[in-house]
Amino acid sequence: MDDEDGLLNIEISDDEADKNEDKAARRTEQTEADFQAVKRGYHAKVENGNVHAGITLPLPPGANKQHIQEVLHAVEELYFFRRYQEAVDFIVKVLHGASQALDENTKNLLGVYMSRCRERMCTPP
């Protein structure tokens, strides 16, 4: 069997490969000076259990997915740091003031966190 005329003998045009490389180079191109400027101004974001303090409540009725994810993240963070009463209080505020902005899955998840927090508050460590 001749390898040059085989079924899997596929060639890619050089023009297409060059175009793809040019796109990648333009997208990721950054000079050393630009990189150093970004590096000097970069500070790692440290979450310390206070995400809930930065959330404005009540959520507007047209809250987007990012706002809802921030609320869930705040509840999860309070739960992780074992600040159960604060988590329950925050969930009550969210559900009381922003129930129109939340879908059923989010409301159910917040309810699960509320019940878990209440269970944890009743059981000794």
PDB file of N, CA and C in Angstrom:
ATOM      1  N   MET A   1       0.850  -1.177   0.000  1.00  0.00           N
ATOM      2  CA  MET A   1       0.000   0.000   0.000  1.00  0.00           C
ATOM      3  C   MET A   1       0.897   1.243   0.000  1.00  0.00           C
ATOM      4  N   ASP A   2       0.562   2.228  -0.797  1.00  0.00           N
ATOM      5  CA  ASP A   2       1.352   3.434  -0.944  1.00  0.00           C
ATOM      6  C   ASP A   2       0.960   4.434   0.146  1.00  0.00           C
ATOM      7  N   ASP A   3       1.918   4.867   0.984  1.00  0.00           N
ATOM      8  CA  ASP A   3       1.625   5.776   2.093  1.00  0.00           C
ATOM      9  C   ASP A   3       1.226   7.164   1.632  1.00  0.00           C
ATOM     10  N   GLU A   4       1.688   7.600   0.472  1.00  0.00           N
ATOM     11  CA  GLU A   4       1.390   8.951   0.016  1.00  0.00           C
ATOM     12  C   GLU A   4      -0.068   9.108  -0.412  1.00  0.00           C
ATOM     13  N   ASP A   5      -0.689   8.037  -0.841  1.00  0.00           N
ATOM     14  CA  ASP A   5      -2.075   8.117  -1.288  1.00  0.00           C
ATOM     15  C   ASP A   5      -3.031   7.494  -0.274  1.00  0.00           C
ATOM     16  N   GLY A   6      -2.609   7.353   0.954  1.00  0.00           N
ATOM     17  CA  GLY A   6      -3.412   6.700   1.990  1.00  0.00           C
ATOM     18  C   GLY A   6      -4.637   7.518   2.362  1.00  0.00           C
ATOM     19  N   LEU A   7      -5.548   6.859   3.021  1.00  0.00           N
ATOM     20  CA  LEU A   7      -6.809   7.472   3.422  1.00  0.00           C
ATOM     21  C   LEU A   7      -6.595   8.608   4.426  1.00  0.00           C
ATOM     22  N   LEU A   8      -5.623   8.447   5.296  1.00  0.00           N
ATOM     23  CA  LEU A   8      -5.390   9.445   6.335  1.00  0.00           C
ATOM     24  C   LEU A   8      -4.309  10.455   5.970  1.00  0.00           C
ATOM     25  N   ASN A   9      -3.963  10.540   4.722  1.00  0.00           N
ATOM     26  CA  ASN A   9      -2.971  11.492   4.264  1.00  0.00           C
ATOM     27  C   ASN A   9      -3.659  12.843   4.053  1.00  0.00           C
ATOM     28  N   ILE A  10      -3.695  13.653   5.103  1.00  0.00           N
ATOM     29  CA  ILE A  10      -4.369  14.953   5.062  1.00  0.00           C
ATOM     30  C   ILE A  10      -3.319  16.037   5.266  1.00  0.00           C
ATOM     31  N   GLU A  11      -3.384  17.059   4.438  1.00  0.00           N
ATOM     32  CA  GLU A  11      -2.453  18.172   4.563  1.00  0.00           C
ATOM     33  C   GLU A  11      -3.225  19.437   4.916  1.00  0.00           C
ATOM     34  N   ILE A  12      -2.603  20.249   5.725  1.00  0.00           N
ATOM     35  CA  ILE A  12      -3.199  21.531   6.101  1.00  0.00           C
ATOM     36  C   ILE A  12      -2.463  22.615   5.334  1.00  0.00           C
ATOM     37  N   SER A  13      -3.211  23.508   4.789  1.00  0.00           N
ATOM     38  CA  SER A  13      -2.637  24.611   4.045  1.00  0.00           C
ATOM     39  C   SER A  13      -1.803  25.481   4.971  1.00  0.00           C
ATOM     40  N   ASP A  14      -0.658  25.943   4.495  1.00  0.00           N
ATOM     41  CA  ASP A  14       0.202  26.815   5.284  1.00  0.00           C
ATOM     42  C   ASP A  14      -0.468  28.145   5.585  1.00  0.00           C
ATOM     43  N   ASP A  15      -1.315  28.623   4.684  1.00  0.00           N
ATOM     44  CA  ASP A  15      -1.987  29.900   4.888  1.00  0.00           C
ATOM     45  C   ASP A  15      -2.889  29.855   6.122  1.00  0.00           C
ATOM     46  N   GLU A  16      -3.628  28.776   6.293  1.00  0.00           N
ATOM     47  CA  GLU A  16      -4.517  28.656   7.441  1.00  0.00           C
ATOM     48  C   GLU A  16      -3.734  28.593   8.745  1.00  0.00           C
ATOM     49  N   ALA A  17      -2.647  27.874   8.773  1.00  0.00           N
ATOM     50  CA  ALA A  17      -1.822  27.760   9.972  1.00  0.00           C
ATOM     51  C   ALA A  17      -1.250  29.128  10.351  1.00  0.00           C
ATOM     52  N   ASP A  18      -0.798  29.890   9.353  1.00  0.00           N
ATOM     53  CA  ASP A  18      -0.254  31.220   9.616  1.00  0.00           C
ATOM     54  C   ASP A  18      -1.314  32.147  10.182  1.00  0.00           C
ATOM     55  N   LYS A  19      -2.530  32.087   9.655  1.00  0.00           N
ATOM     56  CA  LYS A  19      -3.614  32.934  10.150  1.00  0.00           C
ATOM     57  C   LYS A  19      -3.911  32.640  11.613  1.00  0.00           C
ATOM     58  N   ASN A  20      -3.966  31.345  11.979  1.00  0.00           N
ATOM     59  CA  ASN A  20      -4.235  30.964  13.361  1.00  0.00           C
ATOM     60  C   ASN A  20      -3.123  31.418  14.296  1.00  0.00           C
ATOM     61  N   GLU A  21      -1.871  31.308  13.855  1.00  0.00           N
ATOM     62  CA  GLU A  21      -0.750  31.759  14.671  1.00  0.00           C
ATOM     63  C   GLU A  21      -0.794  33.270  14.860  1.00  0.00           C
ATOM     64  N   ASP A  22      -1.175  34.012  13.815  1.00  0.00           N
ATOM     65  CA  ASP A  22      -1.265  35.462  13.931  1.00  0.00           C
ATOM     66  C   ASP A  22      -2.332  35.864  14.941  1.00  0.00           C
ATOM     67  N   LYS A  23      -3.481  35.196  14.913  1.00  0.00           N
ATOM     68  CA  LYS A  23      -4.550  35.503  15.866  1.00  0.00           C
ATOM     69  C   LYS A  23      -4.077  35.266  17.295  1.00  0.00           C
ATOM     70  N   ALA A  24      -3.423  34.135  17.531  1.00  0.00           N
ATOM     71  CA  ALA A  24      -2.938  33.810  18.871  1.00  0.00           C
ATOM     72  C   ALA A  24      -1.890  34.821  19.326  1.00  0.00           C
ATOM     73  N   ALA A  25      -1.011  35.222  18.438  1.00  0.00           N
ATOM     74  CA  ALA A  25       0.030  36.179  18.794  1.00  0.00           C
ATOM     75  C   ALA A  25      -0.573  37.537  19.142  1.00  0.00           C
ATOM     76  N   ARG A  26      -1.570  37.978  18.389  1.00  0.00           N
ATOM     77  CA  ARG A  26      -2.206  39.268  18.683  1.00  0.00           C
ATOM     78  C   ARG A  26      -2.944  39.217  20.017  1.00  0.00           C
ATOM     79  N   ARG A  27      -3.566  38.089  20.296  1.00  0.00           N
ATOM     80  CA  ARG A  27      -4.356  37.970  21.512  1.00  0.00           C
ATOM     81  C   ARG A  27      -3.487  37.932  22.757  1.00  0.00           C
ATOM     82  N   THR A  28      -2.337  37.286  22.678  1.00  0.00           N
ATOM     83  CA  THR A  28      -1.497  37.103  23.856  1.00  0.00           C
ATOM     84  C   THR A  28      -0.275  38.014  23.874  1.00  0.00           C
ATOM     85  N   GLU A  29      -0.161  38.877  22.902  1.00  0.00           N
ATOM     86  CA  GLU A  29       1.017  39.733  22.815  1.00  0.00           C
ATOM     87  C   GLU A  29       1.032  40.740  23.955  1.00  0.00           C
ATOM     88  N   GLN A  30       2.143  40.791  24.667  1.00  0.00           N
ATOM     89  CA  GLN A  30       2.324  41.758  25.738  1.00  0.00           C
ATOM     90  C   GLN A  30       3.814  42.031  25.851  1.00  0.00           C
ATOM     91  N   THR A  31       4.166  43.284  25.882  1.00  0.00           N
ATOM     92  CA  THR A  31       5.583  43.617  25.985  1.00  0.00           C
ATOM     93  C   THR A  31       6.056  43.352  27.410  1.00  0.00           C
ATOM     94  N   GLU A  32       7.348  43.254  27.570  1.00  0.00           N
ATOM     95  CA  GLU A  32       7.928  43.031  28.896  1.00  0.00           C
ATOM     96  C   GLU A  32       7.604  44.197  29.825  1.00  0.00           C
ATOM     97  N   ALA A  33       7.622  45.405  29.304  1.00  0.00           N
ATOM     98  CA  ALA A  33       7.318  46.589  30.115  1.00  0.00           C
ATOM     99  C   ALA A  33       5.859  46.545  30.599  1.00  0.00           C
ATOM    100  N   ASP A  34       4.935  46.147  29.702  1.00  0.00           N
ATOM    101  CA  ASP A  34       3.528  46.021  30.096  1.00  0.00           C
ATOM    102  C   ASP A  34       3.370  44.965  31.184  1.00  0.00           C
ATOM    103  N   PHE A  35       4.047  43.850  31.023  1.00  0.00           N
ATOM    104  CA  PHE A  35       3.969  42.780  32.011  1.00  0.00           C
ATOM    105  C   PHE A  35       4.487  43.247  33.365  1.00  0.00           C
ATOM    106  N   GLN A  36       5.609  43.947  33.374  1.00  0.00           N
ATOM    107  CA  GLN A  36       6.183  44.424  34.630  1.00  0.00           C
ATOM    108  C   GLN A  36       5.269  45.444  35.305  1.00  0.00           C
ATOM    109  N   ALA A  37       4.587  46.273  34.522  1.00  0.00           N
ATOM    110  CA  ALA A  37       3.653  47.245  35.087  1.00  0.00           C
ATOM    111  C   ALA A  37       2.477  46.533  35.756  1.00  0.00           C
ATOM    112  N   VAL A  38       1.967  45.512  35.112  1.00  0.00           N
ATOM    113  CA  VAL A  38       0.868  44.740  35.701  1.00  0.00           C
ATOM    114  C   VAL A  38       1.347  44.018  36.953  1.00  0.00           C
ATOM    115  N   LYS A  39       2.547  43.475  36.886  1.00  0.00           N
ATOM    116  CA  LYS A  39       3.101  42.733  38.019  1.00  0.00           C
ATOM    117  C   LYS A  39       3.295  43.636  39.240  1.00  0.00           C
ATOM    118  N   ARG A  40       3.755  44.870  39.024  1.00  0.00           N
ATOM    119  CA  ARG A  40       3.956  45.804  40.136  1.00  0.00           C
ATOM    120  C   ARG A  40       2.642  46.179  40.800  1.00  0.00           C
ATOM    121  N   GLY A  41       1.582  46.300  40.020  1.00  0.00           N
ATOM    122  CA  GLY A  41       0.303  46.731  40.573  1.00  0.00           C
ATOM    123  C   GLY A  41      -0.594  45.602  41.054  1.00  0.00           C
ATOM    124  N   TYR A  42      -0.141  44.364  40.921  1.00  0.00           N
ATOM    125  CA  TYR A  42      -0.983  43.225  41.272  1.00  0.00           C
ATOM    126  C   TYR A  42      -0.952  42.946  42.773  1.00  0.00           C
ATOM    127  N   HIS A  43      -2.117  42.737  43.330  1.00  0.00           N
ATOM    128  CA  HIS A  43      -2.243  42.312  44.722  1.00  0.00           C
ATOM    129  C   HIS A  43      -3.246  41.170  44.754  1.00  0.00           C
ATOM    130  N   ALA A  44      -2.886  40.094  45.421  1.00  0.00           N
ATOM    131  CA  ALA A  44      -3.789  38.945  45.514  1.00  0.00           C
ATOM    132  C   ALA A  44      -5.003  39.313  46.352  1.00  0.00           C
ATOM    133  N   LYS A  45      -6.161  38.873  45.893  1.00  0.00           N
ATOM    134  CA  LYS A  45      -7.397  39.125  46.622  1.00  0.00           C
ATOM    135  C   LYS A  45      -7.515  38.085  47.724  1.00  0.00           C
ATOM    136  N   VAL A  46      -7.653  38.534  48.949  1.00  0.00           N
ATOM    137  CA  VAL A  46      -7.743  37.626  50.083  1.00  0.00           C
ATOM    138  C   VAL A  46      -9.156  37.705  50.646  1.00  0.00           C
ATOM    139  N   GLU A  47      -9.814  36.572  50.666  1.00  0.00           N
ATOM    140  CA  GLU A  47     -11.155  36.496  51.251  1.00  0.00           C
ATOM    141  C   GLU A  47     -11.002  36.091  52.711  1.00  0.00           C
ATOM    142  N   ASN A  48     -11.591  36.857  53.595  1.00  0.00           N
ATOM    143  CA  ASN A  48     -11.422  36.594  55.013  1.00  0.00           C
ATOM    144  C   ASN A  48     -12.744  36.441  55.758  1.00  0.00           C
ATOM    145  N   GLY A  49     -13.760  36.036  55.059  1.00  0.00           N
ATOM    146  CA  GLY A  49     -15.042  35.797  55.718  1.00  0.00           C
ATOM    147  C   GLY A  49     -15.976  36.981  55.712  1.00  0.00           C
ATOM    148  N   ASN A  50     -15.671  38.012  54.959  1.00  0.00           N
ATOM    149  CA  ASN A  50     -16.514  39.200  54.952  1.00  0.00           C
ATOM    150  C   ASN A  50     -17.089  39.523  53.580  1.00  0.00           C
ATOM    151  N   VAL A  51     -17.258  38.525  52.745  1.00  0.00           N
ATOM    152  CA  VAL A  51     -17.846  38.756  51.425  1.00  0.00           C
ATOM    153  C   VAL A  51     -19.256  39.305  51.573  1.00  0.00           C
ATOM    154  N   HIS A  52     -19.981  38.829  52.572  1.00  0.00           N
ATOM    155  CA  HIS A  52     -21.371  39.254  52.764  1.00  0.00           C
ATOM    156  C   HIS A  52     -21.493  40.747  53.054  1.00  0.00           C
ATOM    157  N   ALA A  53     -20.435  41.350  53.613  1.00  0.00           N
ATOM    158  CA  ALA A  53     -20.481  42.775  53.939  1.00  0.00           C
ATOM    159  C   ALA A  53     -20.487  43.649  52.683  1.00  0.00           C
ATOM    160  N   GLY A  54     -19.970  43.135  51.583  1.00  0.00           N
ATOM    161  CA  GLY A  54     -19.891  43.922  50.358  1.00  0.00           C
ATOM    162  C   GLY A  54     -21.081  43.763  49.431  1.00  0.00           C
ATOM    163  N   ILE A  55     -22.065  42.975  49.839  1.00  0.00           N
ATOM    164  CA  ILE A  55     -23.227  42.733  48.992  1.00  0.00           C
ATOM    165  C   ILE A  55     -24.346  43.694  49.373  1.00  0.00           C
ATOM    166  N   THR A  56     -24.875  44.375  48.377  1.00  0.00           N
ATOM    167  CA  THR A  56     -25.967  45.316  48.610  1.00  0.00           C
ATOM    168  C   THR A  56     -27.289  44.562  48.566  1.00  0.00           C
ATOM    169  N   LEU A  57     -28.016  44.642  49.661  1.00  0.00           N
ATOM    170  CA  LEU A  57     -29.330  44.007  49.738  1.00  0.00           C
ATOM    171  C   LEU A  57     -30.391  45.077  49.879  1.00  0.00           C
ATOM    172  N   PRO A  58     -31.560  44.888  49.381  1.00  0.00           N
ATOM    173  CA  PRO A  58     -32.040  43.724  48.647  1.00  0.00           C
ATOM    174  C   PRO A  58     -31.523  43.721  47.208  1.00  0.00           C
ATOM    175  N   LEU A  59     -31.441  42.526  46.666  1.00  0.00           N
ATOM    176  CA  LEU A  59     -31.052  42.392  45.263  1.00  0.00           C
ATOM    177  C   LEU A  59     -32.163  42.945  44.386  1.00  0.00           C
ATOM    178  N   PRO A  60     -31.813  43.606  43.300  1.00  0.00           N
ATOM    179  CA  PRO A  60     -32.862  44.106  42.410  1.00  0.00           C
ATOM    180  C   PRO A  60     -33.585  42.938  41.734  1.00  0.00           C
ATOM    181  N   PRO A  61     -34.838  43.126  41.326  1.00  0.00           N
ATOM    182  CA  PRO A  61     -35.579  42.032  40.689  1.00  0.00           C
ATOM    183  C   PRO A  61     -34.888  41.462  39.451  1.00  0.00           C
ATOM    184  N   GLY A  62     -34.119  42.247  38.758  1.00  0.00           N
ATOM    185  CA  GLY A  62     -33.429  41.759  37.563  1.00  0.00           C
ATOM    186  C   GLY A  62     -31.988  41.382  37.831  1.00  0.00           C
ATOM    187  N   ALA A  63     -31.682  40.886  39.022  1.00  0.00           N
ATOM    188  CA  ALA A  63     -30.306  40.546  39.372  1.00  0.00           C
ATOM    189  C   ALA A  63     -29.774  39.467  38.432  1.00  0.00           C
ATOM    190  N   ASN A  64     -28.529  39.648  38.017  1.00  0.00           N
ATOM    191  CA  ASN A  64     -27.949  38.670  37.097  1.00  0.00           C
ATOM    192  C   ASN A  64     -27.318  37.509  37.868  1.00  0.00           C
ATOM    193  N   LYS A  65     -26.836  36.554  37.131  1.00  0.00           N
ATOM    194  CA  LYS A  65     -26.285  35.337  37.728  1.00  0.00           C
ATOM    195  C   LYS A  65     -25.085  35.643  38.625  1.00  0.00           C
ATOM    196  N   GLN A  66     -24.297  36.624  38.255  1.00  0.00           N
ATOM    197  CA  GLN A  66     -23.118  36.963  39.057  1.00  0.00           C
ATOM    198  C   GLN A  66     -23.525  37.453  40.449  1.00  0.00           C
ATOM    199  N   HIS A  67     -24.568  38.288  40.529  1.00  0.00           N
ATOM    200  CA  HIS A  67     -25.038  38.768  41.828  1.00  0.00           C
ATOM    201  C   HIS A  67     -25.522  37.607  42.691  1.00  0.00           C
ATOM    202  N   ILE A  68     -26.240  36.692  42.081  1.00  0.00           N
ATOM    203  CA  ILE A  68     -26.764  35.543  42.819  1.00  0.00           C
ATOM    204  C   ILE A  68     -25.611  34.648  43.279  1.00  0.00           C
ATOM    205  N   GLN A  69     -24.597  34.474  42.434  1.00  0.00           N
ATOM    206  CA  GLN A  69     -23.437  33.676  42.818  1.00  0.00           C
ATOM    207  C   GLN A  69     -22.680  34.319  43.978  1.00  0.00           C
ATOM    208  N   GLU A  70     -22.618  35.637  44.007  1.00  0.00           N
ATOM    209  CA  GLU A  70     -21.966  36.327  45.125  1.00  0.00           C
ATOM    210  C   GLU A  70     -22.696  36.052  46.427  1.00  0.00           C
ATOM    211  N   VAL A  71     -24.022  36.056  46.375  1.00  0.00           N
ATOM    212  CA  VAL A  71     -24.821  35.773  47.569  1.00  0.00           C
ATOM    213  C   VAL A  71     -24.538  34.351  48.055  1.00  0.00           C
ATOM    214  N   LEU A  72     -24.547  33.396  47.144  1.00  0.00           N
ATOM    215  CA  LEU A  72     -24.274  32.009  47.525  1.00  0.00           C
ATOM    216  C   LEU A  72     -22.852  31.862  48.081  1.00  0.00           C
ATOM    217  N   HIS A  73     -21.914  32.539  47.455  1.00  0.00           N
ATOM    218  CA  HIS A  73     -20.530  32.470  47.926  1.00  0.00           C
ATOM    219  C   HIS A  73     -20.418  33.037  49.341  1.00  0.00           C
ATOM    220  N   ALA A  74     -21.125  34.123  49.612  1.00  0.00           N
ATOM    221  CA  ALA A  74     -21.080  34.727  50.940  1.00  0.00           C
ATOM    222  C   ALA A  74     -21.639  33.762  51.989  1.00  0.00           C
ATOM    223  N   VAL A  75     -22.741  33.107  51.672  1.00  0.00           N
ATOM    224  CA  VAL A  75     -23.336  32.145  52.610  1.00  0.00           C
ATOM    225  C   VAL A  75     -22.387  30.970  52.834  1.00  0.00           C
ATOM    226  N   GLU A  76     -21.819  30.457  51.758  1.00  0.00           N
ATOM    227  CA  GLU A  76     -20.885  29.333  51.870  1.00  0.00           C
ATOM    228  C   GLU A  76     -19.662  29.711  52.697  1.00  0.00           C
ATOM    229  N   GLU A  77     -19.196  30.937  52.524  1.00  0.00           N
ATOM    230  CA  GLU A  77     -18.035  31.388  53.271  1.00  0.00           C
ATOM    231  C   GLU A  77     -18.344  31.490  54.763  1.00  0.00           C
ATOM    232  N   LEU A  78     -19.493  32.058  55.100  1.00  0.00           N
ATOM    233  CA  LEU A  78     -19.877  32.137  56.508  1.00  0.00           C
ATOM    234  C   LEU A  78     -20.010  30.739  57.109  1.00  0.00           C
ATOM    235  N   TYR A  79     -20.576  29.829  56.346  1.00  0.00           N
ATOM    236  CA  TYR A  79     -20.711  28.447  56.808  1.00  0.00           C
ATOM    237  C   TYR A  79     -19.334  27.820  57.018  1.00  0.00           C
ATOM    238  N   PHE A  80     -18.431  28.039  56.093  1.00  0.00           N
ATOM    239  CA  PHE A  80     -17.084  27.476  56.183  1.00  0.00           C
ATOM    240  C   PHE A  80     -16.358  27.985  57.424  1.00  0.00           C
ATOM    241  N   PHE A  81     -16.507  29.264  57.739  1.00  0.00           N
ATOM    242  CA  PHE A  81     -15.849  29.848  58.901  1.00  0.00           C
ATOM    243  C   PHE A  81     -16.631  29.612  60.194  1.00  0.00           C
ATOM    244  N   ARG A  82     -17.661  28.792  60.122  1.00  0.00           N
ATOM    245  CA  ARG A  82     -18.490  28.402  61.274  1.00  0.00           C
ATOM    246  C   ARG A  82     -19.158  29.587  61.952  1.00  0.00           C
ATOM    247  N   ARG A  83     -19.524  30.545  61.155  1.00  0.00           N
ATOM    248  CA  ARG A  83     -20.266  31.711  61.649  1.00  0.00           C
ATOM    249  C   ARG A  83     -21.726  31.496  61.286  1.00  0.00           C
ATOM    250  N   TYR A  84     -22.304  30.484  61.932  1.00  0.00           N
ATOM    251  CA  TYR A  84     -23.622  29.989  61.551  1.00  0.00           C
ATOM    252  C   TYR A  84     -24.730  31.015  61.788  1.00  0.00           C
ATOM    253  N   GLN A  85     -24.696  31.707  62.909  1.00  0.00           N
ATOM    254  CA  GLN A  85     -25.752  32.687  63.181  1.00  0.00           C
ATOM    255  C   GLN A  85     -25.713  33.818  62.168  1.00  0.00           C
ATOM    256  N   GLU A  86     -24.530  34.272  61.821  1.00  0.00           N
ATOM    257  CA  GLU A  86     -24.410  35.320  60.798  1.00  0.00           C
ATOM    258  C   GLU A  86     -24.925  34.819  59.456  1.00  0.00           C
ATOM    259  N   ALA A  87     -24.655  33.556  59.144  1.00  0.00           N
ATOM    260  CA  ALA A  87     -25.138  32.982  57.888  1.00  0.00           C
ATOM    261  C   ALA A  87     -26.657  32.944  57.871  1.00  0.00           C
ATOM    262  N   VAL A  88     -27.266  32.524  58.973  1.00  0.00           N
ATOM    263  CA  VAL A  88     -28.729  32.476  59.050  1.00  0.00           C
ATOM    264  C   VAL A  88     -29.311  33.878  58.912  1.00  0.00           C
ATOM    265  N   ASP A  89     -28.734  34.842  59.614  1.00  0.00           N
ATOM    266  CA  ASP A  89     -29.217  36.223  59.527  1.00  0.00           C
ATOM    267  C   ASP A  89     -29.108  36.755  58.102  1.00  0.00           C
ATOM    268  N   PHE A  90     -28.000  36.462  57.448  1.00  0.00           N
ATOM    269  CA  PHE A  90     -27.803  36.916  56.080  1.00  0.00           C
ATOM    270  C   PHE A  90     -28.810  36.263  55.133  1.00  0.00           C
ATOM    271  N   ILE A  91     -29.032  34.969  55.300  1.00  0.00           N
ATOM    272  CA  ILE A  91     -30.005  34.263  54.449  1.00  0.00           C
ATOM    273  C   ILE A  91     -31.402  34.836  54.636  1.00  0.00           C
ATOM    274  N   VAL A  92     -31.775  35.142  55.872  1.00  0.00           N
ATOM    275  CA  VAL A  92     -33.091  35.730  56.141  1.00  0.00           C
ATOM    276  C   VAL A  92     -33.222  37.068  55.427  1.00  0.00           C
ATOM    277  N   LYS A  93     -32.171  37.893  55.488  1.00  0.00           N
ATOM    278  CA  LYS A  93     -32.199  39.188  54.784  1.00  0.00           C
ATOM    279  C   LYS A  93     -32.367  38.989  53.282  1.00  0.00           C
ATOM    280  N   VAL A  94     -31.616  38.038  52.739  1.00  0.00           N
ATOM    281  CA  VAL A  94     -31.666  37.785  51.293  1.00  0.00           C
ATOM    282  C   VAL A  94     -33.058  37.321  50.886  1.00  0.00           C
ATOM    283  N   LEU A  95     -33.586  36.341  51.595  1.00  0.00           N
ATOM    284  CA  LEU A  95     -34.893  35.785  51.227  1.00  0.00           C
ATOM    285  C   LEU A  95     -36.018  36.780  51.463  1.00  0.00           C
ATOM    286  N   HIS A  96     -35.887  37.598  52.488  1.00  0.00           N
ATOM    287  CA  HIS A  96     -36.940  38.573  52.779  1.00  0.00           C
ATOM    288  C   HIS A  96     -36.980  39.696  51.748  1.00  0.00           C
ATOM    289  N   GLY A  97     -35.808  40.175  51.339  1.00  0.00           N
ATOM    290  CA  GLY A  97     -35.786  41.340  50.475  1.00  0.00           C
ATOM    291  C   GLY A  97     -35.619  41.074  48.996  1.00  0.00           C
ATOM    292  N   ALA A  98     -35.198  39.873  48.623  1.00  0.00           N
ATOM    293  CA  ALA A  98     -34.862  39.660  47.217  1.00  0.00           C
ATOM    294  C   ALA A  98     -35.454  38.378  46.657  1.00  0.00           C
ATOM    295  N   SER A  99     -36.582  37.965  47.161  1.00  0.00           N
ATOM    296  CA  SER A  99     -37.130  36.690  46.703  1.00  0.00           C
ATOM    297  C   SER A  99     -37.530  36.732  45.229  1.00  0.00           C
ATOM    298  N   GLN A 100     -37.857  37.906  44.686  1.00  0.00           N
ATOM    299  CA  GLN A 100     -38.212  37.995  43.267  1.00  0.00           C
ATOM    300  C   GLN A 100     -36.986  37.802  42.378  1.00  0.00           C
ATOM    301  N   ALA A 101     -35.803  38.138  42.885  1.00  0.00           N
ATOM    302  CA  ALA A 101     -34.588  38.055  42.077  1.00  0.00           C
ATOM    303  C   ALA A 101     -34.012  36.638  42.033  1.00  0.00           C
ATOM    304  N   LEU A 102     -34.467  35.767  42.917  1.00  0.00           N
ATOM    305  CA  LEU A 102     -33.886  34.431  43.026  1.00  0.00           C
ATOM    306  C   LEU A 102     -34.761  33.394  42.348  1.00  0.00           C
ATOM    307  N   ASP A 103     -34.104  32.428  41.719  1.00  0.00           N
ATOM    308  CA  ASP A 103     -34.845  31.317  41.136  1.00  0.00           C
ATOM    309  C   ASP A 103     -35.103  30.259  42.219  1.00  0.00           C
ATOM    310  N   GLU A 104     -35.891  29.269  41.899  1.00  0.00           N
ATOM    311  CA  GLU A 104     -36.278  28.253  42.888  1.00  0.00           C
ATOM    312  C   GLU A 104     -35.075  27.449  43.376  1.00  0.00           C
ATOM    313  N   ASN A 105     -34.157  27.120  42.485  1.00  0.00           N
ATOM    314  CA  ASN A 105     -32.977  26.353  42.897  1.00  0.00           C
ATOM    315  C   ASN A 105     -32.149  27.110  43.928  1.00  0.00           C
ATOM    316  N   THR A 106     -31.986  28.411  43.711  1.00  0.00           N
ATOM    317  CA  THR A 106     -31.216  29.223  44.650  1.00  0.00           C
ATOM    318  C   THR A 106     -31.929  29.321  45.981  1.00  0.00           C
ATOM    319  N   LYS A 107     -33.242  29.527  45.942  1.00  0.00           N
ATOM    320  CA  LYS A 107     -34.013  29.578  47.197  1.00  0.00           C
ATOM    321  C   LYS A 107     -33.902  28.263  47.952  1.00  0.00           C
ATOM    322  N   ASN A 108     -33.979  27.157  47.226  1.00  0.00           N
ATOM    323  CA  ASN A 108     -33.853  25.855  47.876  1.00  0.00           C
ATOM    324  C   ASN A 108     -32.472  25.664  48.491  1.00  0.00           C
ATOM    325  N   LEU A 109     -31.439  26.076  47.776  1.00  0.00           N
ATOM    326  CA  LEU A 109     -30.087  25.947  48.284  1.00  0.00           C
ATOM    327  C   LEU A 109     -29.878  26.807  49.524  1.00  0.00           C
ATOM    328  N   LEU A 110     -30.403  28.017  49.502  1.00  0.00           N
ATOM    329  CA  LEU A 110     -30.305  28.870  50.685  1.00  0.00           C
ATOM    330  C   LEU A 110     -31.045  28.246  51.864  1.00  0.00           C
ATOM    331  N   GLY A 111     -32.175  27.609  51.589  1.00  0.00           N
ATOM    332  CA  GLY A 111     -32.915  26.916  52.635  1.00  0.00           C
ATOM    333  C   GLY A 111     -32.117  25.759  53.223  1.00  0.00           C
ATOM    334  N   VAL A 112     -31.400  25.039  52.381  1.00  0.00           N
ATOM    335  CA  VAL A 112     -30.553  23.940  52.857  1.00  0.00           C
ATOM    336  C   VAL A 112     -29.450  24.487  53.756  1.00  0.00           C
ATOM    337  N   TYR A 113     -28.815  25.573  53.325  1.00  0.00           N
ATOM    338  CA  TYR A 113     -27.772  26.162  54.167  1.00  0.00           C
ATOM    339  C   TYR A 113     -28.341  26.662  55.486  1.00  0.00           C
ATOM    340  N   MET A 114     -29.538  27.233  55.455  1.00  0.00           N
ATOM    341  CA  MET A 114     -30.138  27.721  56.684  1.00  0.00           C
ATOM    342  C   MET A 114     -30.387  26.558  57.649  1.00  0.00           C
ATOM    343  N   SER A 115     -30.930  25.463  57.150  1.00  0.00           N
ATOM    344  CA  SER A 115     -31.198  24.327  58.038  1.00  0.00           C
ATOM    345  C   SER A 115     -29.904  23.712  58.553  1.00  0.00           C
ATOM    346  N   ARG A 116     -28.874  23.640  57.721  1.00  0.00           N
ATOM    347  CA  ARG A 116     -27.587  23.100  58.178  1.00  0.00           C
ATOM    348  C   ARG A 116     -26.969  23.989  59.251  1.00  0.00           C
ATOM    349  N   CYS A 117     -27.052  25.295  59.050  1.00  0.00           N
ATOM    350  CA  CYS A 117     -26.500  26.224  60.039  1.00  0.00           C
ATOM    351  C   CYS A 117     -27.242  26.085  61.368  1.00  0.00           C
ATOM    352  N   ARG A 118     -28.551  25.984  61.309  1.00  0.00           N
ATOM    353  CA  ARG A 118     -29.328  25.822  62.545  1.00  0.00           C
ATOM    354  C   ARG A 118     -28.990  24.509  63.240  1.00  0.00           C
ATOM    355  N   GLU A 119     -28.790  23.447  62.466  1.00  0.00           N
ATOM    356  CA  GLU A 119     -28.378  22.162  63.054  1.00  0.00           C
ATOM    357  C   GLU A 119     -27.025  22.294  63.735  1.00  0.00           C
ATOM    358  N   ARG A 120     -26.101  22.957  63.079  1.00  0.00           N
ATOM    359  CA  ARG A 120     -24.749  23.113  63.632  1.00  0.00           C
ATOM    360  C   ARG A 120     -24.762  23.971  64.894  1.00  0.00           C
ATOM    361  N   MET A 121     -25.654  24.959  64.954  1.00  0.00           N
ATOM    362  CA  MET A 121     -25.718  25.800  66.147  1.00  0.00           C
ATOM    363  C   MET A 121     -26.248  25.008  67.343  1.00  0.00           C
ATOM    364  N   CYS A 122     -27.087  24.008  67.091  1.00  0.00           N
ATOM    365  CA  CYS A 122     -27.679  23.216  68.167  1.00  0.00           C
ATOM    366  C   CYS A 122     -26.765  22.097  68.653  1.00  0.00           C
ATOM    367  N   THR A 123     -25.838  21.667  67.817  1.00  0.00           N
ATOM    368  CA  THR A 123     -24.945  20.578  68.217  1.00  0.00           C
ATOM    369  C   THR A 123     -23.632  21.144  68.724  1.00  0.00           C
ATOM    370  N   PRO A 124     -23.116  20.602  69.834  1.00  0.00           N
ATOM    371  CA  PRO A 124     -21.828  21.095  70.361  1.00  0.00           C
ATOM    372  C   PRO A 124     -20.674  20.640  69.469  1.00  0.00           C
ATOM    373  N   PRO A 125     -19.614  21.433  69.414  1.00  0.00           N
ATOM    374  CA  PRO A 125     -18.469  21.096  68.543  1.00  0.00           C
ATOM    375  C   PRO A 125     -17.713  19.872  68.967  1.00  0.00           C
TER     376      PRO A 125
END
